[in-house]
C-alpha atoms as a PDB file:
ATOM      1  CA  MET A   1     116.169 -66.602 -92.927  1.00  0.00           C
ATOM      2  CA  ILE A   2     118.956 -67.686 -95.262  1.00  0.00           C
ATOM      3  CA  GLY A   3     117.831 -71.271 -94.830  1.00  0.00           C
ATOM      4  CA  ARG A   4     114.338 -70.384 -96.012  1.00  0.00           C
ATOM      5  CA  ILE A   5     115.713 -68.573 -99.065  1.00  0.00           C
ATOM      6  CA  PHE A   6     117.918 -71.555 -99.875  1.00  0.00           C
ATOM      7  CA  ILE A   7     115.018 -74.012 -99.553  1.00  0.00           C
ATOM      8  CA  PHE A   8     112.843 -71.793-101.766  1.00  0.00           C
ATOM      9  CA  LEU A   9     115.536 -71.631-104.448  1.00  0.00           C
ATOM     10  CA  ILE A  10     116.065 -75.383-104.337  1.00  0.00           C
ATOM     11  CA  SER A  11     112.332 -76.015-104.647  1.00  0.00           C
ATOM     12  CA  LYS A  12     112.205 -73.842-107.775  1.00  0.00           C
ATOM     13  CA  GLY A  13     115.369 -75.359-109.230  1.00  0.00           C
ATOM     14  CA  ARG A  14     113.657 -76.787-112.293  1.00  0.00           C
ATOM     15  CA  ILE A  15     112.378 -73.350-113.287  1.00  0.00           C
ATOM     16  CA  PHE A  16     115.846 -71.867-112.827  1.00  0.00           C
ATOM     17  CA  PHE A  17     117.333 -74.700-114.872  1.00  0.00           C
ATOM     18  CA  GLY A  18     114.832 -74.043-117.648  1.00  0.00           C
ATOM     19  CA  VAL A  19     115.488 -70.310-117.719  1.00  0.00           C
ATOM     20  CA  LEU A  20     119.210 -70.208-117.001  1.00  0.00           C
ATOM     21  CA  PHE A  21     120.364 -73.281-118.944  1.00  0.00           C
ATOM     22  CA  LEU A  22     117.786 -74.525-121.446  1.00  0.00           C
ATOM     23  CA  ALA A  23     116.822 -71.092-122.796  1.00  0.00           C
ATOM     24  CA  PRO A  24     120.358 -69.990-123.758  1.00  0.00           C
ATOM     25  CA  LEU A  25     121.109 -73.471-125.075  1.00  0.00           C
ATOM     26  CA  LEU A  26     118.030 -73.433-127.313  1.00  0.00           C
ATOM     27  CA  SER A  27     118.814 -69.880-128.419  1.00  0.00           C
ATOM     28  CA  GLN A  28     122.370 -70.826-129.388  1.00  0.00           C
ATOM     29  CA  PHE A  29     121.062 -73.860-131.249  1.00  0.00           C
ATOM     30  CA  LEU A  30     118.685 -71.654-133.248  1.00  0.00           C
ATOM     31  CA  ASN A  31     121.433 -69.097-133.959  1.00  0.00           C
ATOM     32  CA  TYR A  32     123.774 -71.864-135.082  1.00  0.00           C
ATOM     33  CA  ASN A  33     121.133 -72.965-137.587  1.00  0.00           C
ATOM     34  CA  LYS A  34     120.833 -69.383-138.939  1.00  0.00           C
ATOM     35  CA  ILE A  35     117.498 -68.645-137.212  1.00  0.00           C
ATOM     36  CA  GLU A  36     118.345 -65.328-135.574  1.00  0.00           C
ATOM     37  CA  ASN A  37     114.909 -63.703-135.307  1.00  0.00           C
ATOM     38  CA  ILE A  38     111.490 -65.101-134.533  1.00  0.00           C
ATOM     39  CA  LEU A  39     108.716 -62.706-135.556  1.00  0.00           C
ATOM     40  CA  GLY A  40     111.245 -59.857-135.556  1.00  0.00           C
ATOM     41  CA  ILE A  41     112.531 -60.363-132.005  1.00  0.00           C
ATOM     42  CA  PRO A  42     115.809 -62.002-130.932  1.00  0.00           C
ATOM     43  CA  THR A  43     115.633 -65.730-130.325  1.00  0.00           C
ATOM     44  CA  LEU A  44     116.546 -65.446-126.641  1.00  0.00           C
ATOM     45  CA  ILE A  45     113.180 -63.918-125.661  1.00  0.00           C
ATOM     46  CA  PRO A  46     110.960 -66.759-126.971  1.00  0.00           C
ATOM     47  CA  CYS A  47     113.488 -69.258-125.636  1.00  0.00           C
ATOM     48  CA  LEU A  48     113.219 -67.708-122.166  1.00  0.00           C
ATOM     49  CA  PHE A  49     109.444 -68.217-122.272  1.00  0.00           C
ATOM     50  CA  ILE A  50     109.881 -71.802-123.457  1.00  0.00           C
ATOM     51  CA  GLY A  51     112.466 -72.488-120.746  1.00  0.00           C
ATOM     52  CA  PHE A  52     110.298 -70.939-118.042  1.00  0.00           C
ATOM     53  CA  PHE A  53     107.154 -72.826-118.975  1.00  0.00           C
ATOM     54  CA  TRP A  54     109.033 -76.082-119.473  1.00  0.00           C
ATOM     55  CA  GLY A  55     110.593 -75.665-116.025  1.00  0.00           C
ATOM     56  CA  LEU A  56     107.189 -74.791-114.584  1.00  0.00           C
ATOM     57  CA  TYR A  57     105.712 -77.906-116.164  1.00  0.00           C
ATOM     58  CA  ALA A  58     108.544 -79.978-114.692  1.00  0.00           C
ATOM     59  CA  THR A  59     107.949 -78.440-111.265  1.00  0.00           C
ATOM     60  CA  ILE A  60     104.205 -79.093-111.326  1.00  0.00           C
ATOM     61  CA  LYS A  61     104.267 -82.586-112.861  1.00  0.00           C
ATOM     62  CA  GLY A  62     107.519 -83.727-111.257  1.00  0.00           C
ATOM     63  CA  ARG A  63     109.086 -84.788-114.548  1.00  0.00           C
ATOM     64  CA  TRP A  64     110.484 -83.100-117.645  1.00  0.00           C
ATOM     65  CA  PHE A  65     108.543 -85.003-120.291  1.00  0.00           C
ATOM     66  CA  TRP A  66     104.893 -85.958-120.585  1.00  0.00           C
ATOM     67  CA  PHE A  67     105.579 -89.645-121.258  1.00  0.00           C
END
């Protein structure tokens, strides 16, 4: 059972990397450049969507970039 959970988490590692690393990194970058709100919401929320979909793209395509 724990082995299956571990394998599942490893297989979705790119999504976790996008959400747990890239999203806060992008949010901090935007805050550093004085962009603290996007359409009236904190920058972390759009960055979480970007990180999730970028990780999903990387999981589906097998690479992080399109080229």
